[in-house]
PDB file of N, CA and C in Angstrom:
ATOM      1  N   MET A   1     -41.770 107.340  38.913  1.00  0.00           N
ATOM      2  CA  MET A   1     -40.687 108.239  38.600  1.00  0.00           C
ATOM      3  C   MET A   1     -39.882 107.659  37.436  1.00  0.00           C
ATOM      4  N   SER A   2     -39.779 108.384  36.332  1.00  0.00           N
ATOM      5  CA  SER A   2     -39.063 107.880  35.162  1.00  0.00           C
ATOM      6  C   SER A   2     -37.790 108.691  34.937  1.00  0.00           C
ATOM      7  N   ALA A   3     -36.778 108.007  34.491  1.00  0.00           N
ATOM      8  CA  ALA A   3     -35.510 108.678  34.217  1.00  0.00           C
ATOM      9  C   ALA A   3     -35.579 109.355  32.855  1.00  0.00           C
ATOM     10  N   SER A   4     -34.993 110.503  32.748  1.00  0.00           N
ATOM     11  CA  SER A   4     -34.969 111.228  31.479  1.00  0.00           C
ATOM     12  C   SER A   4     -33.732 110.815  30.689  1.00  0.00           C
ATOM     13  N   HIS A   5     -33.952 110.267  29.500  1.00  0.00           N
ATOM     14  CA  HIS A   5     -32.845 109.839  28.651  1.00  0.00           C
ATOM     15  C   HIS A   5     -32.777 110.741  27.437  1.00  0.00           C
ATOM     16  N   PRO A   6     -31.579 111.151  27.024  1.00  0.00           N
ATOM     17  CA  PRO A   6     -31.475 111.979  25.825  1.00  0.00           C
ATOM     18  C   PRO A   6     -31.864 111.181  24.584  1.00  0.00           C
ATOM     19  N   GLN A   7     -32.548 111.822  23.677  1.00  0.00           N
ATOM     20  CA  GLN A   7     -32.950 111.178  22.430  1.00  0.00           C
ATOM     21  C   GLN A   7     -31.753 111.106  21.486  1.00  0.00           C
ATOM     22  N   PRO A   8     -31.578 109.994  20.761  1.00  0.00           N
ATOM     23  CA  PRO A   8     -30.458 109.908  19.815  1.00  0.00           C
ATOM     24  C   PRO A   8     -30.680 110.856  18.647  1.00  0.00           C
ATOM     25  N   ASN A   9     -29.585 111.384  18.130  1.00  0.00           N
ATOM     26  CA  ASN A   9     -29.653 112.270  16.975  1.00  0.00           C
ATOM     27  C   ASN A   9     -29.739 111.401  15.728  1.00  0.00           C
ATOM     28  N   LEU A  10     -30.907 111.319  15.127  1.00  0.00           N
ATOM     29  CA  LEU A  10     -31.102 110.484  13.939  1.00  0.00           C
ATOM     30  C   LEU A  10     -30.899 111.268  12.648  1.00  0.00           C
ATOM     31  N   GLY A  11     -30.646 112.549  12.762  1.00  0.00           N
ATOM     32  CA  GLY A  11     -30.421 113.379  11.583  1.00  0.00           C
ATOM     33  C   GLY A  11     -28.972 113.288  11.130  1.00  0.00           C
ATOM     34  N   ARG A  12     -28.582 114.233  10.362  1.00  0.00           N
ATOM     35  CA  ARG A  12     -27.230 114.275   9.836  1.00  0.00           C
ATOM     36  C   ARG A  12     -26.250 114.698  10.922  1.00  0.00           C
ATOM     37  N   ALA A  13     -25.124 114.024  10.981  1.00  0.00           N
ATOM     38  CA  ALA A  13     -24.122 114.350  11.984  1.00  0.00           C
ATOM     39  C   ALA A  13     -23.453 115.678  11.645  1.00  0.00           C
ATOM     40  N   THR A  14     -23.144 116.431  12.652  1.00  0.00           N
ATOM     41  CA  THR A  14     -22.424 117.685  12.445  1.00  0.00           C
ATOM     42  C   THR A  14     -21.026 117.539  13.022  1.00  0.00           C
ATOM     43  N   LEU A  15     -20.067 118.103  12.327  1.00  0.00           N
ATOM     44  CA  LEU A  15     -18.679 118.022  12.755  1.00  0.00           C
ATOM     45  C   LEU A  15     -18.312 119.261  13.562  1.00  0.00           C
ATOM     46  N   PRO A  16     -17.426 119.107  14.517  1.00  0.00           N
ATOM     47  CA  PRO A  16     -16.941 120.291  15.214  1.00  0.00           C
ATOM     48  C   PRO A  16     -16.154 121.185  14.256  1.00  0.00           C
ATOM     49  N   ARG A  17     -16.025 122.442  14.582  1.00  0.00           N
ATOM     50  CA  ARG A  17     -15.335 123.379  13.680  1.00  0.00           C
ATOM     51  C   ARG A  17     -13.907 122.976  13.384  1.00  0.00           C
ATOM     52  N   ASP A  18     -13.220 122.378  14.337  1.00  0.00           N
ATOM     53  CA  ASP A  18     -11.815 122.026  14.140  1.00  0.00           C
ATOM     54  C   ASP A  18     -11.633 120.603  13.610  1.00  0.00           C
ATOM     55  N   ALA A  19     -12.691 119.964  13.125  1.00  0.00           N
ATOM     56  CA  ALA A  19     -12.597 118.598  12.602  1.00  0.00           C
ATOM     57  C   ALA A  19     -11.811 118.595  11.291  1.00  0.00           C
ATOM     58  N   TYR A  20     -11.013 117.568  11.085  1.00  0.00           N
ATOM     59  CA  TYR A  20     -10.228 117.439   9.862  1.00  0.00           C
ATOM     60  C   TYR A  20     -11.131 116.928   8.751  1.00  0.00           C
ATOM     61  N   THR A  21     -11.141 117.593   7.616  1.00  0.00           N
ATOM     62  CA  THR A  21     -12.067 117.254   6.528  1.00  0.00           C
ATOM     63  C   THR A  21     -11.430 116.446   5.398  1.00  0.00           C
ATOM     64  N   CYS A  22     -10.178 116.071   5.507  1.00  0.00           N
ATOM     65  CA  CYS A  22      -9.473 115.221   4.526  1.00  0.00           C
ATOM     66  C   CYS A  22      -9.501 115.792   3.107  1.00  0.00           C
ATOM     67  N   PRO A  23      -9.006 116.999   2.880  1.00  0.00           N
ATOM     68  CA  PRO A  23      -9.068 117.567   1.528  1.00  0.00           C
ATOM     69  C   PRO A  23      -8.263 116.771   0.507  1.00  0.00           C
ATOM     70  N   GLU A  24      -7.263 116.011   0.950  1.00  0.00           N
ATOM     71  CA  GLU A  24      -6.452 115.240   0.007  1.00  0.00           C
ATOM     72  C   GLU A  24      -7.222 114.060  -0.580  1.00  0.00           C
ATOM     73  N   LEU A  25      -8.384 113.721  -0.023  1.00  0.00           N
ATOM     74  CA  LEU A  25      -9.189 112.626  -0.557  1.00  0.00           C
ATOM     75  C   LEU A  25     -10.226 113.110  -1.568  1.00  0.00           C
ATOM     76  N   GLY A  26     -10.270 114.390  -1.822  1.00  0.00           N
ATOM     77  CA  GLY A  26     -11.212 114.945  -2.793  1.00  0.00           C
ATOM     78  C   GLY A  26     -10.672 114.830  -4.207  1.00  0.00           C
ATOM     79  N   ARG A  27     -11.279 115.550  -5.100  1.00  0.00           N
ATOM     80  CA  ARG A  27     -10.839 115.536  -6.499  1.00  0.00           C
ATOM     81  C   ARG A  27      -9.640 116.458  -6.648  1.00  0.00           C
ATOM     82  N   THR A  28      -8.470 115.854  -6.580  1.00  0.00           N
ATOM     83  CA  THR A  28      -7.239 116.640  -6.588  1.00  0.00           C
ATOM     84  C   THR A  28      -6.583 116.718  -7.962  1.00  0.00           C
ATOM     85  N   CYS A  29      -6.960 115.877  -8.894  1.00  0.00           N
ATOM     86  CA  CYS A  29      -6.368 115.879 -10.232  1.00  0.00           C
ATOM     87  C   CYS A  29      -7.140 116.852 -11.116  1.00  0.00           C
ATOM     88  N   MET A  30      -6.432 117.766 -11.748  1.00  0.00           N
ATOM     89  CA  MET A  30      -7.079 118.774 -12.589  1.00  0.00           C
ATOM     90  C   MET A  30      -7.087 118.382 -14.073  1.00  0.00           C
ATOM     91  N   ARG A  31      -6.614 117.166 -14.398  1.00  0.00           N
ATOM     92  CA  ARG A  31      -6.570 116.729 -15.796  1.00  0.00           C
ATOM     93  C   ARG A  31      -7.989 116.518 -16.301  1.00  0.00           C
ATOM     94  N   PRO A  32      -8.338 117.081 -17.467  1.00  0.00           N
ATOM     95  CA  PRO A  32      -9.676 116.870 -18.010  1.00  0.00           C
ATOM     96  C   PRO A  32      -9.953 115.376 -18.218  1.00  0.00           C
ATOM     97  N   GLY A  33     -11.090 114.937 -17.749  1.00  0.00           N
ATOM     98  CA  GLY A  33     -11.484 113.551 -17.912  1.00  0.00           C
ATOM     99  C   GLY A  33     -10.969 112.616 -16.831  1.00  0.00           C
ATOM    100  N   ALA A  34     -10.268 113.139 -15.830  1.00  0.00           N
ATOM    101  CA  ALA A  34      -9.661 112.288 -14.801  1.00  0.00           C
ATOM    102  C   ALA A  34     -10.705 111.531 -13.987  1.00  0.00           C
ATOM    103  N   TYR A  35     -11.893 112.073 -13.849  1.00  0.00           N
ATOM    104  CA  TYR A  35     -12.912 111.444 -13.005  1.00  0.00           C
ATOM    105  C   TYR A  35     -14.131 110.978 -13.801  1.00  0.00           C
ATOM    106  N   ASP A  36     -13.994 110.823 -15.109  1.00  0.00           N
ATOM    107  CA  ASP A  36     -15.117 110.385 -15.940  1.00  0.00           C
ATOM    108  C   ASP A  36     -15.621 108.992 -15.545  1.00  0.00           C
ATOM    109  N   ALA A  37     -14.730 108.131 -15.098  1.00  0.00           N
ATOM    110  CA  ALA A  37     -15.126 106.766 -14.747  1.00  0.00           C
ATOM    111  C   ALA A  37     -16.065 106.735 -13.542  1.00  0.00           C
ATOM    112  N   HIS A  38     -16.064 107.774 -12.724  1.00  0.00           N
ATOM    113  CA  HIS A  38     -16.948 107.801 -11.558  1.00  0.00           C
ATOM    114  C   HIS A  38     -18.422 107.910 -11.944  1.00  0.00           C
ATOM    115  N   ALA A  39     -18.712 108.304 -13.166  1.00  0.00           N
ATOM    116  CA  ALA A  39     -20.098 108.401 -13.631  1.00  0.00           C
ATOM    117  C   ALA A  39     -20.609 107.071 -14.193  1.00  0.00           C
ATOM    118  N   LEU A  40     -19.727 106.099 -14.375  1.00  0.00           N
ATOM    119  CA  LEU A  40     -20.111 104.807 -14.934  1.00  0.00           C
ATOM    120  C   LEU A  40     -20.666 103.898 -13.843  1.00  0.00           C
ATOM    121  N   PRO A  41     -21.516 102.944 -14.231  1.00  0.00           N
ATOM    122  CA  PRO A  41     -22.090 102.046 -13.225  1.00  0.00           C
ATOM    123  C   PRO A  41     -21.098 100.986 -12.766  1.00  0.00           C
ATOM    124  N   SER A  42     -21.348 100.457 -11.579  1.00  0.00           N
ATOM    125  CA  SER A  42     -20.615  99.293 -11.079  1.00  0.00           C
ATOM    126  C   SER A  42     -21.462  98.063 -11.375  1.00  0.00           C
ATOM    127  N   LEU A  43     -20.821  96.965 -11.667  1.00  0.00           N
ATOM    128  CA  LEU A  43     -21.533  95.713 -11.917  1.00  0.00           C
ATOM    129  C   LEU A  43     -21.428  94.860 -10.664  1.00  0.00           C
ATOM    130  N   ILE A  44     -22.553  94.695  -9.969  1.00  0.00           N
ATOM    131  CA  ILE A  44     -22.588  93.949  -8.719  1.00  0.00           C
ATOM    132  C   ILE A  44     -23.725  92.935  -8.802  1.00  0.00           C
ATOM    133  N   ALA A  45     -23.393  91.662  -8.698  1.00  0.00           N
ATOM    134  CA  ALA A  45     -24.383  90.579  -8.672  1.00  0.00           C
ATOM    135  C   ALA A  45     -25.362  90.656  -9.838  1.00  0.00           C
ATOM    136  N   GLY A  46     -24.853  90.893 -11.043  1.00  0.00           N
ATOM    137  CA  GLY A  46     -25.705  90.910 -12.224  1.00  0.00           C
ATOM    138  C   GLY A  46     -26.541  92.173 -12.380  1.00  0.00           C
ATOM    139  N   GLU A  47     -26.221  93.217 -11.633  1.00  0.00           N
ATOM    140  CA  GLU A  47     -26.938  94.493 -11.735  1.00  0.00           C
ATOM    141  C   GLU A  47     -25.952  95.625 -11.976  1.00  0.00           C
ATOM    142  N   ARG A  48     -26.366  96.547 -12.834  1.00  0.00           N
ATOM    143  CA  ARG A  48     -25.583  97.772 -13.023  1.00  0.00           C
ATOM    144  C   ARG A  48     -26.097  98.800 -12.020  1.00  0.00           C
ATOM    145  N   ARG A  49     -25.224  99.276 -11.136  1.00  0.00           N
ATOM    146  CA  ARG A  49     -25.601 100.254 -10.117  1.00  0.00           C
ATOM    147  C   ARG A  49     -24.927 101.581 -10.444  1.00  0.00           C
ATOM    148  N   TYR A  50     -25.758 102.575 -10.756  1.00  0.00           N
ATOM    149  CA  TYR A  50     -25.275 103.891 -11.148  1.00  0.00           C
ATOM    150  C   TYR A  50     -25.083 104.783  -9.919  1.00  0.00           C
ATOM    151  N   PRO A  51     -24.188 105.766 -10.006  1.00  0.00           N
ATOM    152  CA  PRO A  51     -23.954 106.663  -8.875  1.00  0.00           C
ATOM    153  C   PRO A  51     -25.202 107.433  -8.438  1.00  0.00           C
ATOM    154  N   ASP A  52     -26.162 107.657  -9.347  1.00  0.00           N
ATOM    155  CA  ASP A  52     -27.370 108.405  -8.980  1.00  0.00           C
ATOM    156  C   ASP A  52     -28.428 107.519  -8.314  1.00  0.00           C
ATOM    157  N   GLY A  53     -28.116 106.218  -8.129  1.00  0.00           N
ATOM    158  CA  GLY A  53     -29.032 105.331  -7.431  1.00  0.00           C
ATOM    159  C   GLY A  53     -29.822 104.391  -8.329  1.00  0.00           C
ATOM    160  N   ARG A  54     -29.790 104.616  -9.638  1.00  0.00           N
ATOM    161  CA  ARG A  54     -30.506 103.715 -10.547  1.00  0.00           C
ATOM    162  C   ARG A  54     -29.880 102.331 -10.520  1.00  0.00           C
ATOM    163  N   ILE A  55     -30.710 101.314 -10.695  1.00  0.00           N
ATOM    164  CA  ILE A  55     -30.235  99.933 -10.773  1.00  0.00           C
ATOM    165  C   ILE A  55     -30.885  99.295 -11.989  1.00  0.00           C
ATOM    166  N   GLU A  56     -30.063  98.693 -12.859  1.00  0.00           N
ATOM    167  CA  GLU A  56     -30.558  97.991 -14.040  1.00  0.00           C
ATOM    168  C   GLU A  56     -30.046  96.559 -13.995  1.00  0.00           C
ATOM    169  N   ARG A  57     -30.874  95.646 -14.432  1.00  0.00           N
ATOM    170  CA  ARG A  57     -30.446  94.252 -14.529  1.00  0.00           C
ATOM    171  C   ARG A  57     -29.522  94.129 -15.736  1.00  0.00           C
ATOM    172  N   ALA A  58     -28.369  93.527 -15.536  1.00  0.00           N
ATOM    173  CA  ALA A  58     -27.416  93.342 -16.630  1.00  0.00           C
ATOM    174  C   ALA A  58     -27.766  92.072 -17.385  1.00  0.00           C
ATOM    175  N   ASN A  59     -27.687  92.116 -18.696  1.00  0.00           N
ATOM    176  CA  ASN A  59     -27.970  90.932 -19.506  1.00  0.00           C
ATOM    177  C   ASN A  59     -26.780  89.985 -19.438  1.00  0.00           C
ATOM    178  N   PRO A  60     -27.017  88.708 -19.159  1.00  0.00           N
ATOM    179  CA  PRO A  60     -25.907  87.750 -19.141  1.00  0.00           C
ATOM    180  C   PRO A  60     -25.364  87.516 -20.546  1.00  0.00           C
ATOM    181  N   ILE A  61     -24.138  87.110 -20.628  1.00  0.00           N
ATOM    182  CA  ILE A  61     -23.547  86.799 -21.935  1.00  0.00           C
ATOM    183  C   ILE A  61     -24.159  85.479 -22.390  1.00  0.00           C
ATOM    184  N   THR A  62     -24.839  85.524 -23.551  1.00  0.00           N
ATOM    185  CA  THR A  62     -25.526  84.319 -24.036  1.00  0.00           C
ATOM    186  C   THR A  62     -24.690  83.573 -25.073  1.00  0.00           C
ATOM    187  N   SER A  63     -23.829  84.265 -25.786  1.00  0.00           N
ATOM    188  CA  SER A  63     -22.997  83.570 -26.754  1.00  0.00           C
ATOM    189  C   SER A  63     -21.618  84.238 -26.788  1.00  0.00           C
ATOM    190  N   ARG A  64     -20.629  83.451 -27.033  1.00  0.00           N
ATOM    191  CA  ARG A  64     -19.279  83.974 -27.129  1.00  0.00           C
ATOM    192  C   ARG A  64     -18.701  83.556 -28.462  1.00  0.00           C
ATOM    193  N   SER A  65     -17.867  84.429 -29.032  1.00  0.00           N
ATOM    194  CA  SER A  65     -17.222  84.049 -30.263  1.00  0.00           C
ATOM    195  C   SER A  65     -16.109  83.046 -29.986  1.00  0.00           C
ATOM    196  N   PRO A  66     -15.967  82.096 -30.852  1.00  0.00           N
ATOM    197  CA  PRO A  66     -14.900  81.114 -30.635  1.00  0.00           C
ATOM    198  C   PRO A  66     -13.526  81.767 -30.777  1.00  0.00           C
ATOM    199  N   LYS A  67     -12.573  81.274 -30.017  1.00  0.00           N
ATOM    200  CA  LYS A  67     -11.208  81.805 -30.120  1.00  0.00           C
ATOM    201  C   LYS A  67     -10.581  81.291 -31.400  1.00  0.00           C
ATOM    202  N   PRO A  68      -9.823  82.146 -32.078  1.00  0.00           N
ATOM    203  CA  PRO A  68      -9.172  81.683 -33.335  1.00  0.00           C
ATOM    204  C   PRO A  68      -8.071  80.700 -33.100  1.00  0.00           C
TER     205      PRO A  68
END
């Protein structure tokens, strides 16, 4: 005799109809160009990580100009 256990939902979670969706955390600024920086990559551990998932190795700084 085996006990019946519910299977975990491994798909996308669904919110109840009355769930709060935090609209104030969305894009609330209407100024042109306000969110342009979100399209730029982040530099993490020597890699450029783009919002679309691409990852590029960043070139290390090999030479620096002397300070005047």
